[in-house]
C-alpha cells in the first residue's frame, strides 16, 4: 500500500518524537553531570595526595571556625601512611564537612560520579578518647537543587571507640547514577572538644 506524502510525513514526525522521548533519561543524566559507571572500588580517601582520592572536602558547615582538618595525619592510620584527623573545639553549636564534586558546589553545577553497582560505602573511624558521637552520610543535595544527588544514605549517630572500627552504609536499591556529595560527617557540640579520625573511605 502506497502512503500519501502527508501520511509519510506524519509517520516520520512520530518516529522522530519517539526517538527524542527515548533519549530523555540519558539527556537528563548528562545534564546532571552523570558519566559511565566508575570502576569499583571507588576511593574517596586512602592517603594524603593519593591519585586514587576522589571528591574534595570543601563543604564546611556549621561552626567552621572551631573546626580543623589534617588530611595527612601520620600517627596510627588504619591503612597506608596517613589518615584524616578532625578537631572540633566548640562544646555547643555544630559542625560538618562535605566531600564535593565539583568543589564548593551546593547543587548549582553539574558534576558527580556514576557509582552504579556499588553495594556499600565503607570507611574506618576512631575517636581520640572514645565516646565521641558523629553522624556519617552521603548524598545531601536534595531535589530542590538544580543539580541534586541522585541518591542518599546515612548512619544513625555513631559512638566511636578508641580503636579503629569499620562502618558501612548499605547502598541496596539506591540510585547512584550521579553522586555529587560522596561523604559527609557532622556532629553537635559535646561535653568536651572532640577529636576523631577517619580512613580508607570507598564505595565498593
Protein backbone atom coordinates (compact mmCIF):
# COMPACT_ATOMS: atom_id res chain seq x y z
CA UNK A 1 0.00 0.00 0.00
CA UNK A 2 1.36 3.37 -1.01
CA UNK A 3 1.15 6.09 1.63
CA UNK A 4 0.38 9.69 0.81
CA UNK A 5 3.16 12.25 1.34
CA UNK A 6 1.15 13.70 4.23
CA UNK A 7 0.88 10.29 5.92
CA UNK A 8 4.57 9.59 5.34
CA UNK A 9 5.42 12.93 6.91
CA UNK A 10 3.25 12.20 9.94
CA UNK A 11 4.89 8.81 10.46
CA UNK A 12 8.36 10.33 10.13
CA UNK A 13 7.50 13.02 12.69
CA UNK A 14 6.09 10.37 15.06
CA UNK A 15 9.30 8.35 14.74
CA UNK A 16 11.43 11.41 15.49
CA UNK A 17 9.36 12.24 18.58
CA UNK A 18 9.60 8.66 19.82
CA UNK A 19 13.38 8.78 19.46
CA UNK A 20 13.58 12.05 21.33
CA UNK A 21 11.43 10.75 24.17
CA UNK A 22 13.53 7.59 24.39
CA UNK A 23 16.59 9.77 24.92
CA UNK A 24 15.08 11.95 27.68
CA UNK A 25 16.57 9.89 30.58
CA UNK A 26 20.04 9.98 29.05
CA UNK A 27 19.76 13.71 28.37
CA UNK A 28 18.72 14.28 31.97
CA UNK A 29 21.67 12.22 33.17
CA UNK A 30 24.07 14.26 31.02
CA UNK A 31 22.57 17.48 32.40
CA UNK A 32 23.18 16.22 35.91
CA UNK A 33 26.81 15.52 35.09
CA UNK A 34 26.50 11.73 35.04
CA UNK A 35 29.01 9.65 33.09
CA UNK A 36 29.59 5.97 32.56
CA UNK A 37 29.74 3.96 35.78
CA UNK A 38 33.13 4.10 37.51
CA UNK A 39 35.33 1.12 38.17
CA UNK A 40 34.84 -0.25 41.68
CA UNK A 41 36.07 0.02 44.34
CA UNK A 42 35.96 3.80 44.06
CA UNK A 43 38.10 5.62 46.61
CA UNK A 44 37.17 8.83 48.38
CA UNK A 45 40.26 8.86 50.62
CA UNK A 46 43.14 6.42 51.10
CA UNK A 47 46.22 8.61 51.73
CA UNK A 48 47.14 12.26 51.54
CA UNK A 49 47.79 13.24 47.93
CA UNK A 50 46.83 9.85 46.52
CA UNK A 51 45.89 9.82 42.85
CA UNK A 52 43.06 7.45 43.82
CA UNK A 53 41.30 10.04 46.00
CA UNK A 54 38.03 11.50 44.68
CA UNK A 55 35.75 14.31 45.83
CA UNK A 56 37.04 17.41 47.65
CA UNK A 57 36.36 18.10 51.39
CA UNK A 58 35.50 21.71 50.62
CA UNK A 59 31.96 21.95 52.01
CA UNK A 60 32.47 23.20 55.56
CA UNK A 61 29.24 23.65 57.52
CA UNK A 62 28.19 24.98 60.90
CA UNK A 63 30.90 26.46 63.11
CA UNK A 64 33.77 26.11 60.65
CA UNK A 65 35.98 28.43 62.70
CA UNK A 66 36.06 25.87 65.52
CA UNK A 67 36.85 23.01 63.12
CA UNK A 68 40.24 21.79 61.98
CA UNK A 69 41.17 19.09 59.47
CA UNK A 70 44.52 17.40 58.85
CA UNK A 71 44.36 15.20 55.75
CA UNK A 72 47.86 13.84 56.33
CA UNK A 73 47.85 12.65 59.96
CA UNK A 74 50.62 10.05 60.12
CA UNK A 75 50.18 8.73 63.68
CA UNK A 76 48.38 5.40 63.80
CA UNK A 77 46.48 5.46 60.47
CA UNK A 78 44.28 2.49 59.71
CA UNK A 79 45.94 1.78 56.39
CA UNK A 80 48.67 3.32 54.28
CA UNK A 81 50.77 6.19 55.60
CA UNK A 82 48.14 8.76 56.64
CA UNK A 83 44.56 9.23 57.79
CA UNK A 84 42.18 12.15 58.30
CA UNK A 85 42.12 13.92 61.66
CA UNK A 86 39.32 16.27 62.71
CA UNK A 87 39.16 18.56 65.74
CA UNK A 88 36.06 20.44 66.88
CA UNK A 89 36.75 22.85 69.73
CA UNK A 90 33.24 24.23 70.39
CA UNK A 91 31.15 22.47 73.02
CA UNK A 92 27.97 23.98 71.58
CA UNK A 93 26.59 24.59 68.07
CA UNK A 94 27.54 22.04 65.39
CA UNK A 95 29.97 21.37 62.55
CA UNK A 96 30.42 19.21 59.48
CA UNK A 97 32.39 18.70 56.27
CA UNK A 98 31.10 17.60 52.86
CA UNK A 99 33.22 15.92 50.18
CA UNK A 100 32.03 17.59 46.97
CA UNK A 101 32.26 17.26 43.19
CA UNK A 102 32.67 19.86 41.89
CA UNK A 103 34.45 21.72 44.66
CA UNK A 104 32.41 24.31 46.57
CA UNK A 105 29.19 23.31 44.80
CA UNK A 106 25.89 23.11 46.70
CA UNK A 107 23.74 21.97 43.80
CA UNK A 108 24.21 24.76 41.26
CA UNK A 109 26.63 22.97 38.91
CA UNK A 110 26.71 19.68 37.06
CA UNK A 111 29.15 17.08 38.36
CA UNK A 112 29.44 14.00 40.48
CA UNK A 113 30.23 10.37 39.72
CA UNK A 114 28.17 7.44 38.49
CA UNK A 115 28.66 4.85 41.24
CA UNK A 116 26.14 2.35 39.88
CA UNK A 117 26.99 -1.16 41.02
CA UNK A 118 28.40 -0.19 44.41
CA UNK A 119 26.90 -2.19 47.27
CA UNK A 120 28.23 -0.21 50.24
CA UNK A 121 30.03 2.97 51.28
CA UNK A 122 32.64 1.77 53.76
CA UNK A 123 35.12 3.62 55.96
CA UNK A 124 37.11 3.23 59.16
CA UNK A 125 36.87 5.61 62.10
CA UNK A 126 38.03 6.00 65.71
CA UNK A 127 37.83 8.60 68.47
CA UNK A 128 40.69 10.15 70.37
CA UNK A 129 39.20 9.16 73.73
CA UNK A 130 36.22 7.02 72.74
CA UNK A 131 32.62 8.10 73.20
CA UNK A 132 32.65 10.80 70.51
CA UNK A 133 29.30 10.90 68.65
CA UNK A 134 29.46 11.61 64.90
CA UNK A 135 26.95 11.26 62.06
CA UNK A 136 28.08 9.97 58.65
CA UNK A 137 26.21 10.14 55.34
CA UNK A 138 26.39 10.87 51.62
CA UNK A 139 24.12 12.49 49.05
CA UNK A 140 22.82 15.57 50.87
CA UNK A 141 21.78 17.63 47.82
CA UNK A 142 18.01 17.22 47.55
CA UNK A 143 15.56 17.53 44.63
CA UNK A 144 15.09 21.24 45.33
CA UNK A 145 18.56 21.80 43.86
CA UNK A 146 19.20 22.38 40.15
CA UNK A 147 21.76 19.56 40.17
CA UNK A 148 20.89 17.22 43.07
CA UNK A 149 22.38 13.95 44.22
CA UNK A 150 20.55 11.01 42.65
CA UNK A 151 20.54 9.10 45.95
CA UNK A 152 21.46 9.38 49.61
CA UNK A 153 22.20 7.30 52.68
CA UNK A 154 23.32 7.68 56.27
CA UNK A 155 24.15 6.01 59.55
CA UNK A 156 22.43 6.81 62.80
CA UNK A 157 24.64 8.98 65.06
CA UNK A 158 27.63 6.76 65.78
CA UNK A 159 29.55 6.49 69.05
CA UNK A 160 33.22 5.99 68.24
CA UNK A 161 35.73 3.84 70.10
CA UNK A 162 39.45 4.42 70.60
CA UNK A 163 40.23 1.53 68.29
CA UNK A 164 39.72 1.59 64.55
CA UNK A 165 36.35 0.16 63.54
CA UNK A 166 34.85 -0.32 60.08
CA UNK A 167 31.47 1.23 59.29
CA UNK A 168 29.24 0.70 56.28
CA UNK A 169 26.26 2.41 54.63
CA UNK A 170 24.13 -0.03 52.65
CA UNK A 171 23.51 1.12 49.08
CA UNK A 172 20.95 -1.51 48.06
CA UNK A 173 18.14 -0.05 45.95
CA UNK A 174 19.68 3.43 45.72
CA UNK A 175 20.06 5.44 42.53
CA UNK A 176 23.80 6.09 42.30
CA UNK A 177 23.92 7.48 38.76
CA UNK A 178 25.24 10.88 39.85
CA UNK A 179 26.51 11.27 43.39
CA UNK A 180 27.91 14.75 43.97
CA UNK A 181 28.45 14.66 47.73
CA UNK A 182 30.34 11.43 48.27
CA UNK A 183 30.97 11.60 52.01
CA UNK A 184 29.76 13.78 54.87
CA UNK A 185 30.30 13.93 58.60
CA UNK A 186 28.55 16.16 61.10
CA UNK A 187 28.41 16.46 64.87
CA UNK A 188 26.88 18.53 67.61
CA UNK A 189 28.86 20.19 70.36
CA UNK A 190 29.61 17.75 73.18
CA UNK A 191 30.75 17.99 76.79
CA UNK A 192 34.38 18.45 75.75
CA UNK A 193 36.18 19.29 72.49
CA UNK A 194 36.10 16.40 70.01
CA UNK A 195 38.93 14.77 68.08
CA UNK A 196 38.33 11.84 65.76
CA UNK A 197 39.93 10.08 62.80
CA UNK A 198 38.67 8.62 59.51
CA UNK A 199 40.48 6.48 56.95
CA UNK A 200 40.01 4.28 53.87
CA UNK A 201 36.73 5.73 52.59
CA UNK A 202 35.42 3.99 49.48
CA UNK A 203 32.43 2.78 47.51
CA UNK A 204 32.64 -0.93 46.79
